PDB file of N, CA and C in Angstrom:
ATOM      1  N   MET A   1       0.818  -1.186   0.000  1.00  0.00           N
ATOM      2  CA  MET A   1       0.000   0.000   0.000  1.00  0.00           C
ATOM      3  C   MET A   1       0.868   1.259   0.000  1.00  0.00           C
ATOM      4  N   ASP A   2       1.943   1.245   0.794  1.00  0.00           N
ATOM      5  CA  ASP A   2       2.849   2.397   0.831  1.00  0.00           C
ATOM      6  C   ASP A   2       3.468   2.644  -0.540  1.00  0.00           C
ATOM      7  N   ASN A   3       3.810   1.571  -1.231  1.00  0.00           N
ATOM      8  CA  ASN A   3       4.400   1.705  -2.560  1.00  0.00           C
ATOM      9  C   ASN A   3       3.400   2.335  -3.531  1.00  0.00           C
ATOM     10  N   ALA A   4       2.134   1.965  -3.419  1.00  0.00           N
ATOM     11  CA  ALA A   4       1.093   2.525  -4.283  1.00  0.00           C
ATOM     12  C   ALA A   4       0.940   4.022  -4.025  1.00  0.00           C
ATOM     13  N   TYR A   5       0.969   4.445  -2.768  1.00  0.00           N
ATOM     14  CA  TYR A   5       0.881   5.864  -2.436  1.00  0.00           C
ATOM     15  C   TYR A   5       2.097   6.622  -2.969  1.00  0.00           C
ATOM     16  N   LYS A   6       3.264   5.999  -2.879  1.00  0.00           N
ATOM     17  CA  LYS A   6       4.484   6.636  -3.384  1.00  0.00           C
ATOM     18  C   LYS A   6       4.391   6.839  -4.897  1.00  0.00           C
ATOM     19  N   ILE A   7       3.941   5.834  -5.618  1.00  0.00           N
ATOM     20  CA  ILE A   7       3.794   5.929  -7.071  1.00  0.00           C
ATOM     21  C   ILE A   7       2.755   6.992  -7.427  1.00  0.00           C
ATOM     22  N   LYS A   8       1.651   6.991  -6.694  1.00  0.00           N
ATOM     23  CA  LYS A   8       0.595   7.986  -6.923  1.00  0.00           C
ATOM     24  C   LYS A   8       1.144   9.395  -6.736  1.00  0.00           C
ATOM     25  N   LYS A   9       1.893   9.612  -5.659  1.00  0.00           N
ATOM     26  CA  LYS A   9       2.460  10.936  -5.382  1.00  0.00           C
ATOM     27  C   LYS A   9       3.426  11.346  -6.485  1.00  0.00           C
ATOM     28  N   GLU A  10       4.252  10.437  -6.954  1.00  0.00           N
ATOM     29  CA  GLU A  10       5.205  10.745  -8.028  1.00  0.00           C
ATOM     30  C   GLU A  10       4.469  11.135  -9.311  1.00  0.00           C
ATOM     31  N   LYS A  11       3.395  10.411  -9.621  1.00  0.00           N
ATOM     32  CA  LYS A  11       2.619  10.715 -10.826  1.00  0.00           C
ATOM     33  C   LYS A  11       1.913  12.059 -10.709  1.00  0.00           C
ATOM     34  N   GLU A  12       1.406  12.369  -9.528  1.00  0.00           N
ATOM     35  CA  GLU A  12       0.761  13.662  -9.317  1.00  0.00           C
ATOM     36  C   GLU A  12       1.753  14.801  -9.472  1.00  0.00           C
ATOM     37  N   GLU A  13       2.971  14.630  -8.957  1.00  0.00           N
ATOM     38  CA  GLU A  13       4.005  15.652  -9.086  1.00  0.00           C
ATOM     39  C   GLU A  13       4.400  15.853 -10.549  1.00  0.00           C
ATOM     40  N   LYS A  14       4.507  14.747 -11.289  1.00  0.00           N
ATOM     41  CA  LYS A  14       4.837  14.840 -12.704  1.00  0.00           C
ATOM     42  C   LYS A  14       3.715  15.538 -13.477  1.00  0.00           C
ATOM     43  N   ALA A  15       2.464  15.212 -13.159  1.00  0.00           N
ATOM     44  CA  ALA A  15       1.315  15.840 -13.813  1.00  0.00           C
ATOM     45  C   ALA A  15       1.289  17.337 -13.516  1.00  0.00           C
ATOM     46  N   LYS A  16       1.557  17.717 -12.281  1.00  0.00           N
ATOM     47  CA  LYS A  16       1.580  19.136 -11.911  1.00  0.00           C
ATOM     48  C   LYS A  16       2.671  19.860 -12.676  1.00  0.00           C
ATOM     49  N   SER A  17       3.823  19.249 -12.777  1.00  0.00           N
ATOM     50  CA  SER A  17       4.933  19.852 -13.512  1.00  0.00           C
ATOM     51  C   SER A  17       4.568  20.065 -14.978  1.00  0.00           C
ATOM     52  N   LEU A  18       3.934  19.069 -15.578  1.00  0.00           N
ATOM     53  CA  LEU A  18       3.520  19.188 -16.982  1.00  0.00           C
ATOM     54  C   LEU A  18       2.464  20.279 -17.158  1.00  0.00           C
ATOM     55  N   LEU A  19       1.498  20.332 -16.261  1.00  0.00           N
ATOM     56  CA  LEU A  19       0.468  21.366 -16.346  1.00  0.00           C
ATOM     57  C   LEU A  19       1.041  22.765 -16.166  1.00  0.00           C
ATOM     58  N   ASP A  20       2.024  22.893 -15.276  1.00  0.00           N
ATOM     59  CA  ASP A  20       2.646  24.200 -15.041  1.00  0.00           C
ATOM     60  C   ASP A  20       3.422  24.695 -16.264  1.00  0.00           C
ATOM     61  N   SER A  21       3.916  23.777 -17.081  1.00  0.00           N
ATOM     62  CA  SER A  21       4.739  24.178 -18.220  1.00  0.00           C
ATOM     63  C   SER A  21       3.978  24.205 -19.547  1.00  0.00           C
ATOM     64  N   ILE A  22       2.697  23.874 -19.545  1.00  0.00           N
ATOM     65  CA  ILE A  22       1.968  23.761 -20.814  1.00  0.00           C
ATOM     66  C   ILE A  22       1.807  25.110 -21.522  1.00  0.00           C
ATOM     67  N   ASP A  23       1.607  26.192 -20.782  1.00  0.00           N
ATOM     68  CA  ASP A  23       1.460  27.503 -21.409  1.00  0.00           C
ATOM     69  C   ASP A  23       2.712  27.880 -22.191  1.00  0.00           C
ATOM     70  N   THR A  24       3.856  27.719 -21.567  1.00  0.00           N
ATOM     71  CA  THR A  24       5.116  28.032 -22.223  1.00  0.00           C
ATOM     72  C   THR A  24       5.315  27.163 -23.451  1.00  0.00           C
ATOM     73  N   TYR A  25       5.006  25.903 -23.335  1.00  0.00           N
ATOM     74  CA  TYR A  25       5.160  24.965 -24.453  1.00  0.00           C
ATOM     75  C   TYR A  25       4.281  25.373 -25.632  1.00  0.00           C
ATOM     76  N   LEU A  26       3.008  25.651 -25.371  1.00  0.00           N
ATOM     77  CA  LEU A  26       2.090  26.013 -26.452  1.00  0.00           C
ATOM     78  C   LEU A  26       2.483  27.326 -27.122  1.00  0.00           C
ATOM     79  N   LEU A  27       2.854  28.308 -26.323  1.00  0.00           N
ATOM     80  CA  LEU A  27       3.264  29.580 -26.904  1.00  0.00           C
ATOM     81  C   LEU A  27       4.489  29.411 -27.793  1.00  0.00           C
ATOM     82  N   LYS A  28       5.405  28.581 -27.360  1.00  0.00           N
ATOM     83  CA  LYS A  28       6.612  28.340 -28.151  1.00  0.00           C
ATOM     84  C   LYS A  28       6.264  27.599 -29.447  1.00  0.00           C
ATOM     85  N   LYS A  29       5.447  26.559 -29.357  1.00  0.00           N
ATOM     86  CA  LYS A  29       5.070  25.779 -30.546  1.00  0.00           C
ATOM     87  C   LYS A  29       4.268  26.611 -31.536  1.00  0.00           C
ATOM     88  N   LEU A  30       3.439  27.515 -31.050  1.00  0.00           N
ATOM     89  CA  LEU A  30       2.629  28.357 -31.920  1.00  0.00           C
ATOM     90  C   LEU A  30       3.358  29.636 -32.334  1.00  0.00           C
ATOM     91  N   ASP A  31       4.596  29.778 -31.869  1.00  0.00           N
ATOM     92  CA  ASP A  31       5.445  30.935 -32.181  1.00  0.00           C
ATOM     93  C   ASP A  31       4.741  32.240 -31.805  1.00  0.00           C
ATOM     94  N   ILE A  32       4.230  32.277 -30.593  1.00  0.00           N
ATOM     95  CA  ILE A  32       3.550  33.464 -30.086  1.00  0.00           C
ATOM     96  C   ILE A  32       4.424  34.100 -29.013  1.00  0.00           C
ATOM     97  N   THR A  33       4.622  35.397 -29.152  1.00  0.00           N
ATOM     98  CA  THR A  33       5.372  36.147 -28.155  1.00  0.00           C
ATOM     99  C   THR A  33       4.423  37.124 -27.482  1.00  0.00           C
ATOM    100  N   LEU A  34       4.262  36.991 -26.203  1.00  0.00           N
ATOM    101  CA  LEU A  34       3.395  37.887 -25.462  1.00  0.00           C
ATOM    102  C   LEU A  34       4.138  39.180 -25.157  1.00  0.00           C
ATOM    103  N   PRO A  35       3.424  40.298 -25.188  1.00  0.00           N
ATOM    104  CA  PRO A  35       4.088  41.560 -24.837  1.00  0.00           C
ATOM    105  C   PRO A  35       4.465  41.555 -23.368  1.00  0.00           C
ATOM    106  N   LYS A  36       5.547  42.223 -23.063  1.00  0.00           N
ATOM    107  CA  LYS A  36       5.988  42.294 -21.672  1.00  0.00           C
ATOM    108  C   LYS A  36       5.074  43.237 -20.909  1.00  0.00           C
ATOM    109  N   GLU A  37       4.810  42.870 -19.681  1.00  0.00           N
ATOM    110  CA  GLU A  37       3.952  43.697 -18.842  1.00  0.00           C
ATOM    111  C   GLU A  37       4.710  44.949 -18.418  1.00  0.00           C
ATOM    112  N   GLU A  38       4.018  46.067 -18.502  1.00  0.00           N
ATOM    113  CA  GLU A  38       4.609  47.320 -18.056  1.00  0.00           C
ATOM    114  C   GLU A  38       3.927  47.733 -16.763  1.00  0.00           C
ATOM    115  N   LYS A  39       4.723  48.156 -15.838  1.00  0.00           N
ATOM    116  CA  LYS A  39       4.146  48.639 -14.593  1.00  0.00           C
ATOM    117  C   LYS A  39       3.723  50.091 -14.801  1.00  0.00           C
ATOM    118  N   VAL A  40       2.473  50.364 -14.489  1.00  0.00           N
ATOM    119  CA  VAL A  40       1.934  51.705 -14.638  1.00  0.00           C
ATOM    120  C   VAL A  40       1.843  52.326 -13.259  1.00  0.00           C
ATOM    121  N   VAL A  41       2.390  53.523 -13.149  1.00  0.00           N
ATOM    122  CA  VAL A  41       2.343  54.231 -11.885  1.00  0.00           C
ATOM    123  C   VAL A  41       1.369  55.388 -12.059  1.00  0.00           C
ATOM    124  N   SER A  42       0.447  55.488 -11.151  1.00  0.00           N
ATOM    125  CA  SER A  42      -0.504  56.600 -11.214  1.00  0.00           C
ATOM    126  C   SER A  42      -0.634  57.226  -9.835  1.00  0.00           C
ATOM    127  N   PHE A  43      -1.034  58.472  -9.842  1.00  0.00           N
ATOM    128  CA  PHE A  43      -1.192  59.209  -8.602  1.00  0.00           C
ATOM    129  C   PHE A  43      -2.597  59.790  -8.553  1.00  0.00           C
ATOM    130  N   GLU A  44      -3.138  59.885  -7.374  1.00  0.00           N
ATOM    131  CA  GLU A  44      -4.452  60.461  -7.193  1.00  0.00           C
ATOM    132  C   GLU A  44      -4.320  61.698  -6.322  1.00  0.00           C
ATOM    133  N   VAL A  45      -4.891  62.788  -6.820  1.00  0.00           N
ATOM    134  CA  VAL A  45      -4.860  64.047  -6.080  1.00  0.00           C
ATOM    135  C   VAL A  45      -6.284  64.550  -6.008  1.00  0.00           C
ATOM    136  N   SER A  46      -6.718  64.864  -4.827  1.00  0.00           N
ATOM    137  CA  SER A  46      -8.083  65.367  -4.692  1.00  0.00           C
ATOM    138  C   SER A  46      -8.133  66.838  -5.093  1.00  0.00           C
ATOM    139  N   SER A  47      -9.310  67.294  -5.488  1.00  0.00           N
ATOM    140  CA  SER A  47      -9.442  68.684  -5.941  1.00  0.00           C
ATOM    141  C   SER A  47      -9.173  69.657  -4.793  1.00  0.00           C
ATOM    142  N   SER A  48      -9.433  69.256  -3.564  1.00  0.00           N
ATOM    143  CA  SER A  48      -9.148  70.150  -2.428  1.00  0.00           C
ATOM    144  C   SER A  48      -7.652  70.342  -2.245  1.00  0.00           C
ATOM    145  N   ASP A  49      -6.863  69.354  -2.592  1.00  0.00           N
ATOM    146  CA  ASP A  49      -5.404  69.505  -2.535  1.00  0.00           C
ATOM    147  C   ASP A  49      -4.921  70.464  -3.619  1.00  0.00           C
ATOM    148  N   VAL A  50      -5.575  70.429  -4.766  1.00  0.00           N
ATOM    149  CA  VAL A  50      -5.155  71.278  -5.887  1.00  0.00           C
ATOM    150  C   VAL A  50      -5.626  72.720  -5.666  1.00  0.00           C
ATOM    151  N   PHE A  51      -6.871  72.887  -5.216  1.00  0.00           N
ATOM    152  CA  PHE A  51      -7.440  74.229  -5.108  1.00  0.00           C
ATOM    153  C   PHE A  51      -7.387  74.781  -3.701  1.00  0.00           C
ATOM    154  N   GLY A  52      -6.813  74.052  -2.784  1.00  0.00           N
ATOM    155  CA  GLY A  52      -6.586  74.545  -1.433  1.00  0.00           C
ATOM    156  C   GLY A  52      -7.847  74.688  -0.581  1.00  0.00           C
ATOM    157  N   GLY A  53      -8.764  73.789  -0.737  1.00  0.00           N
ATOM    158  CA  GLY A  53      -9.983  73.976   0.061  1.00  0.00           C
ATOM    159  C   GLY A  53     -10.460  72.718   0.598  1.00  0.00           C
TER     160      GLY A  53
END
């Protein structure tokens, strides 16, 4: 029984690894390059701060 649990755990780990890498694999096979994410910085200023009231 312990051996069966060990085999099951190994197969689950392998399946997780394959699922985690499928996006990269498909993008590479389909020759798709995703744009790089840009961090956008924004600021919020209330009108009372601008007009002094």
